[in-house]
Structure formats: structure tokens, C-alpha cells
Amino acid sequence: MHPFDIKQALLAKHAQHVVLIHFPIALFLVGTAFDWVGHFRESSPLRSAAYYNFVVAALSAPLAVITGILAWQLQLDGQRLQGMILLHLILGTASAVLILIVWWTHFRTRGRSAPKLQFVLEAAGVVVIALTGHLGGFLSGVNT
């Protein structure tokens, strides 16, 4: 495979998931950092930046899950998942759900003080995303 062959890169059986997954991860983690710092410094611009990070993370998270399911179907021919890859699918879906819930709570409380539940959900999201990414690294061969 030539490194600059766009056709091969876009049509690889799993390439889209490997590329797209980084967007919701980075956006959620940066959004969480902005939200926490913005809350403790009482900075409205940082809280706004956090909100928009959560918006784009919520838009891109379902794409990451869909491409992961497609990679499973194309790479493994839809065979029954077990072990680490099944756990990765479960945690990945939980990550996407947490990202959407965090965005929704921010959408509902926009401009008002944040309930403590938001910070708990954000912390849970960071932990679940980290575990999901760690397993994904093993599955892709990066962490072996």
C-alpha cells in the first residue's frame, strides 16, 4: 500500500474507524478540561468553548460507533464477538452514550450554573473513554 494512495486509504476495511475515533475522544477530553477550568475560574468563555466541544463530540461519536460496527462486519465477517473486542464494543457504545448525555445536560443548563451531576458524568466519560481507547490500542496492535 502506498502511503499517499487516497483510494486505498478510504476503502480499507477498518481505516475509517481508526481515523474517526480520535475526534470525539479529543473533543470530549478538551471539553471536559475547559468546563472544569471554566467552572473553577468562573470563566464564561471557557464554559462556552466546552459546550461547543461537547456539541461536535456528540455529533462525531455516533459516526465512530457506526464505523466500528462496520469494521467488525467487514474485518471479521460479522462473526460473534468475544473477549477483548466485545468489551471494546461495549465500552465504546457506553462512551458514545456518555458523550451524548453530557452534551444534553449542557444543552439543558446552558447559561445557568452547572449541576454537580455534569462533573460526575464528565469524569465517568473520561474514565470510560480511556479504557475504551486502551483496549482499542491493543486490538489495533499499537499497545502490543
C-alpha atoms as a PDB file:
ATOM      1  CA  MET A   1       0.000   0.000   0.000  1.00  0.00           C
ATOM      2  CA  HIS A   2       1.335   3.399  -0.992  1.00  0.00           C
ATOM      3  CA  PRO A   3       1.094   5.928   1.873  1.00  0.00           C
ATOM      4  CA  PHE A   4      -0.468   8.637  -0.334  1.00  0.00           C
ATOM      5  CA  ASP A   5      -2.973   6.476  -2.202  1.00  0.00           C
ATOM      6  CA  ILE A   6      -6.287   8.068  -1.189  1.00  0.00           C
ATOM      7  CA  LYS A   7      -8.418   5.305  -2.731  1.00  0.00           C
ATOM      8  CA  GLN A   8      -6.715   2.562  -0.726  1.00  0.00           C
ATOM      9  CA  ALA A   9      -6.848   4.625   2.472  1.00  0.00           C
ATOM     10  CA  LEU A  10     -10.562   5.408   2.175  1.00  0.00           C
ATOM     11  CA  LEU A  11     -11.601   1.915   1.103  1.00  0.00           C
ATOM     12  CA  ALA A  12      -9.570  -0.065   3.641  1.00  0.00           C
ATOM     13  CA  LYS A  13     -11.829  -2.332   5.685  1.00  0.00           C
ATOM     14  CA  HIS A  14     -11.182  -0.598   9.018  1.00  0.00           C
ATOM     15  CA  ALA A  15      -9.436   2.696   8.231  1.00  0.00           C
ATOM     16  CA  GLN A  16     -12.436   4.946   8.772  1.00  0.00           C
ATOM     17  CA  HIS A  17     -12.931   3.843  12.377  1.00  0.00           C
ATOM     18  CA  VAL A  18      -9.260   4.248  13.226  1.00  0.00           C
ATOM     19  CA  VAL A  19      -9.295   7.797  11.836  1.00  0.00           C
ATOM     20  CA  LEU A  20     -12.706   8.991  13.065  1.00  0.00           C
ATOM     21  CA  ILE A  21     -12.418   7.753  16.635  1.00  0.00           C
ATOM     22  CA  HIS A  22      -9.893  10.432  17.566  1.00  0.00           C
ATOM     23  CA  PHE A  23     -12.355  13.301  17.045  1.00  0.00           C
ATOM     24  CA  PRO A  24     -14.902  12.501  19.777  1.00  0.00           C
ATOM     25  CA  ILE A  25     -12.122  11.428  22.148  1.00  0.00           C
ATOM     26  CA  ALA A  26     -10.139  14.653  21.803  1.00  0.00           C
ATOM     27  CA  LEU A  27     -13.187  16.915  21.724  1.00  0.00           C
ATOM     28  CA  PHE A  28     -14.682  15.347  24.842  1.00  0.00           C
ATOM     29  CA  LEU A  29     -11.432  15.439  26.819  1.00  0.00           C
ATOM     30  CA  VAL A  30     -10.716  19.057  25.877  1.00  0.00           C
ATOM     31  CA  GLY A  31     -14.350  19.997  26.534  1.00  0.00           C
ATOM     32  CA  THR A  32     -14.126  18.458  29.988  1.00  0.00           C
ATOM     33  CA  ALA A  33     -10.905  20.331  30.742  1.00  0.00           C
ATOM     34  CA  PHE A  34     -12.434  23.627  29.547  1.00  0.00           C
ATOM     35  CA  ASP A  35     -15.581  23.008  31.566  1.00  0.00           C
ATOM     36  CA  TRP A  36     -13.746  22.236  34.803  1.00  0.00           C
ATOM     37  CA  VAL A  37     -11.308  25.143  34.497  1.00  0.00           C
ATOM     38  CA  GLY A  38     -14.128  27.454  33.389  1.00  0.00           C
ATOM     39  CA  HIS A  39     -16.217  26.431  36.381  1.00  0.00           C
ATOM     40  CA  PHE A  40     -13.484  26.946  38.960  1.00  0.00           C
ATOM     41  CA  ARG A  41     -12.304  30.229  37.417  1.00  0.00           C
ATOM     42  CA  GLU A  42     -15.887  31.310  36.749  1.00  0.00           C
ATOM     43  CA  SER A  43     -14.977  31.913  33.103  1.00  0.00           C
ATOM     44  CA  SER A  44     -17.926  32.084  30.746  1.00  0.00           C
ATOM     45  CA  PRO A  45     -15.774  31.925  27.569  1.00  0.00           C
ATOM     46  CA  LEU A  46     -14.163  28.676  28.709  1.00  0.00           C
ATOM     47  CA  ARG A  47     -17.568  27.190  29.527  1.00  0.00           C
ATOM     48  CA  SER A  48     -18.783  28.216  26.056  1.00  0.00           C
ATOM     49  CA  ALA A  49     -15.737  26.597  24.466  1.00  0.00           C
ATOM     50  CA  ALA A  50     -16.500  23.442  26.464  1.00  0.00           C
ATOM     51  CA  TYR A  51     -20.090  23.446  25.233  1.00  0.00           C
ATOM     52  CA  TYR A  52     -19.078  23.656  21.574  1.00  0.00           C
ATOM     53  CA  ASN A  53     -16.506  20.889  22.057  1.00  0.00           C
ATOM     54  CA  PHE A  54     -19.282  18.720  23.509  1.00  0.00           C
ATOM     55  CA  VAL A  55     -21.553  19.574  20.552  1.00  0.00           C
ATOM     56  CA  VAL A  56     -19.033  18.386  17.971  1.00  0.00           C
ATOM     57  CA  ALA A  57     -18.088  15.359  20.107  1.00  0.00           C
ATOM     58  CA  ALA A  58     -21.785  14.409  20.282  1.00  0.00           C
ATOM     59  CA  LEU A  59     -22.075  14.722  16.511  1.00  0.00           C
ATOM     60  CA  SER A  60     -18.975  12.622  15.817  1.00  0.00           C
ATOM     61  CA  ALA A  61     -19.448   9.898  18.471  1.00  0.00           C
ATOM     62  CA  PRO A  62     -22.235   8.040  16.603  1.00  0.00           C
ATOM     63  CA  LEU A  63     -20.057   8.022  13.468  1.00  0.00           C
ATOM     64  CA  ALA A  64     -17.256   6.389  15.451  1.00  0.00           C
ATOM     65  CA  VAL A  65     -19.629   3.691  16.738  1.00  0.00           C
ATOM     66  CA  ILE A  66     -21.078   3.088  13.264  1.00  0.00           C
ATOM     67  CA  THR A  67     -17.650   2.763  11.662  1.00  0.00           C
ATOM     68  CA  GLY A  68     -16.595   0.400  14.472  1.00  0.00           C
ATOM     69  CA  ILE A  69     -19.591  -1.830  13.757  1.00  0.00           C
ATOM     70  CA  LEU A  70     -18.830  -1.681  10.031  1.00  0.00           C
ATOM     71  CA  ALA A  71     -15.191  -2.622  10.717  1.00  0.00           C
ATOM     72  CA  TRP A  72     -16.437  -5.613  12.724  1.00  0.00           C
ATOM     73  CA  GLN A  73     -18.713  -6.685   9.887  1.00  0.00           C
ATOM     74  CA  LEU A  74     -16.089  -6.193   7.161  1.00  0.00           C
ATOM     75  CA  GLN A  75     -12.964  -7.303   9.016  1.00  0.00           C
ATOM     76  CA  LEU A  76     -14.425 -10.242  10.946  1.00  0.00           C
ATOM     77  CA  ASP A  77     -17.294 -11.068   8.579  1.00  0.00           C
ATOM     78  CA  GLY A  78     -19.802 -10.446  11.378  1.00  0.00           C
ATOM     79  CA  GLN A  79     -18.652 -13.369  13.493  1.00  0.00           C
ATOM     80  CA  ARG A  80     -19.671 -13.480  17.158  1.00  0.00           C
ATOM     81  CA  LEU A  81     -17.558 -11.161  19.287  1.00  0.00           C
ATOM     82  CA  GLN A  82     -15.916 -12.327  22.471  1.00  0.00           C
ATOM     83  CA  GLY A  83     -13.222 -11.286  24.880  1.00  0.00           C
ATOM     84  CA  MET A  84     -11.397  -8.019  24.425  1.00  0.00           C
ATOM     85  CA  ILE A  85     -13.150  -6.980  21.221  1.00  0.00           C
ATOM     86  CA  LEU A  86     -16.591  -7.486  22.799  1.00  0.00           C
ATOM     87  CA  LEU A  87     -15.521  -5.403  25.795  1.00  0.00           C
ATOM     88  CA  HIS A  88     -14.232  -2.723  23.398  1.00  0.00           C
ATOM     89  CA  LEU A  89     -17.616  -2.624  21.651  1.00  0.00           C
ATOM     90  CA  ILE A  90     -19.495  -2.360  24.964  1.00  0.00           C
ATOM     91  CA  LEU A  91     -17.206   0.356  26.334  1.00  0.00           C
ATOM     92  CA  GLY A  92     -17.223   2.223  23.016  1.00  0.00           C
ATOM     93  CA  THR A  93     -21.002   2.290  22.988  1.00  0.00           C
ATOM     94  CA  ALA A  94     -21.027   3.390  26.646  1.00  0.00           C
ATOM     95  CA  SER A  95     -18.551   6.152  25.766  1.00  0.00           C
ATOM     96  CA  ALA A  96     -20.779   7.426  22.982  1.00  0.00           C
ATOM     97  CA  VAL A  97     -23.828   7.358  25.257  1.00  0.00           C
ATOM     98  CA  LEU A  98     -21.951   9.281  27.968  1.00  0.00           C
ATOM     99  CA  ILE A  99     -20.785  11.865  25.421  1.00  0.00           C
ATOM    100  CA  LEU A 100     -24.372  12.373  24.275  1.00  0.00           C
ATOM    101  CA  ILE A 101     -25.681  12.605  27.854  1.00  0.00           C
ATOM    102  CA  VAL A 102     -23.007  15.171  28.804  1.00  0.00           C
ATOM    103  CA  TRP A 103     -23.859  17.269  25.749  1.00  0.00           C
ATOM    104  CA  TRP A 104     -27.573  17.024  26.566  1.00  0.00           C
ATOM    105  CA  THR A 105     -27.049  18.141  30.182  1.00  0.00           C
ATOM    106  CA  HIS A 106     -25.033  21.117  28.955  1.00  0.00           C
ATOM    107  CA  PHE A 107     -27.690  21.917  26.362  1.00  0.00           C
ATOM    108  CA  ARG A 108     -30.403  21.860  29.049  1.00  0.00           C
ATOM    109  CA  THR A 109     -28.457  24.057  31.507  1.00  0.00           C
ATOM    110  CA  ARG A 110     -26.888  26.471  29.019  1.00  0.00           C
ATOM    111  CA  GLY A 111     -26.273  29.820  30.705  1.00  0.00           C
ATOM    112  CA  ARG A 112     -27.154  28.555  34.183  1.00  0.00           C
ATOM    113  CA  SER A 113     -24.953  27.125  36.893  1.00  0.00           C
ATOM    114  CA  ALA A 114     -23.871  23.560  36.228  1.00  0.00           C
ATOM    115  CA  PRO A 115     -25.282  20.810  38.398  1.00  0.00           C
ATOM    116  CA  LYS A 116     -22.716  18.600  40.124  1.00  0.00           C
ATOM    117  CA  LEU A 117     -24.053  15.674  38.096  1.00  0.00           C
ATOM    118  CA  GLN A 118     -22.390  17.168  34.991  1.00  0.00           C
ATOM    119  CA  PHE A 119     -18.962  16.890  36.574  1.00  0.00           C
ATOM    120  CA  VAL A 120     -19.619  13.318  37.674  1.00  0.00           C
ATOM    121  CA  LEU A 121     -20.785  12.387  34.161  1.00  0.00           C
ATOM    122  CA  GLU A 122     -17.754  14.088  32.618  1.00  0.00           C
ATOM    123  CA  ALA A 123     -15.377  12.239  34.952  1.00  0.00           C
ATOM    124  CA  ALA A 124     -17.115   8.934  34.177  1.00  0.00           C
ATOM    125  CA  GLY A 125     -16.842   9.746  30.476  1.00  0.00           C
ATOM    126  CA  VAL A 126     -13.111  10.379  30.748  1.00  0.00           C
ATOM    127  CA  VAL A 127     -12.578   7.047  32.537  1.00  0.00           C
ATOM    128  CA  VAL A 128     -14.718   5.010  30.116  1.00  0.00           C
ATOM    129  CA  ILE A 129     -13.144   6.688  27.079  1.00  0.00           C
ATOM    130  CA  ALA A 130      -9.647   5.983  28.442  1.00  0.00           C
ATOM    131  CA  LEU A 131     -10.488   2.296  28.982  1.00  0.00           C
ATOM    132  CA  THR A 132     -12.050   2.041  25.526  1.00  0.00           C
ATOM    133  CA  GLY A 133      -9.033   3.659  23.883  1.00  0.00           C
ATOM    134  CA  HIS A 134      -6.654   1.430  25.815  1.00  0.00           C
ATOM    135  CA  LEU A 135      -8.436  -1.701  24.575  1.00  0.00           C
ATOM    136  CA  GLY A 136      -8.589  -0.261  21.056  1.00  0.00           C
ATOM    137  CA  GLY A 137      -4.825   0.216  21.153  1.00  0.00           C
ATOM    138  CA  PHE A 138      -4.336  -3.467  21.963  1.00  0.00           C
ATOM    139  CA  LEU A 139      -6.768  -4.528  19.244  1.00  0.00           C
ATOM    140  CA  SER A 140      -5.036  -2.390  16.622  1.00  0.00           C
ATOM    141  CA  GLY A 141      -1.599  -3.658  17.633  1.00  0.00           C
ATOM    142  CA  VAL A 142      -0.310  -0.324  18.888  1.00  0.00           C
ATOM    143  CA  ASN A 143      -0.023  -1.423  22.540  1.00  0.00           C
ATOM    144  CA  THR A 144       1.434  -4.877  21.934  1.00  0.00           C
END
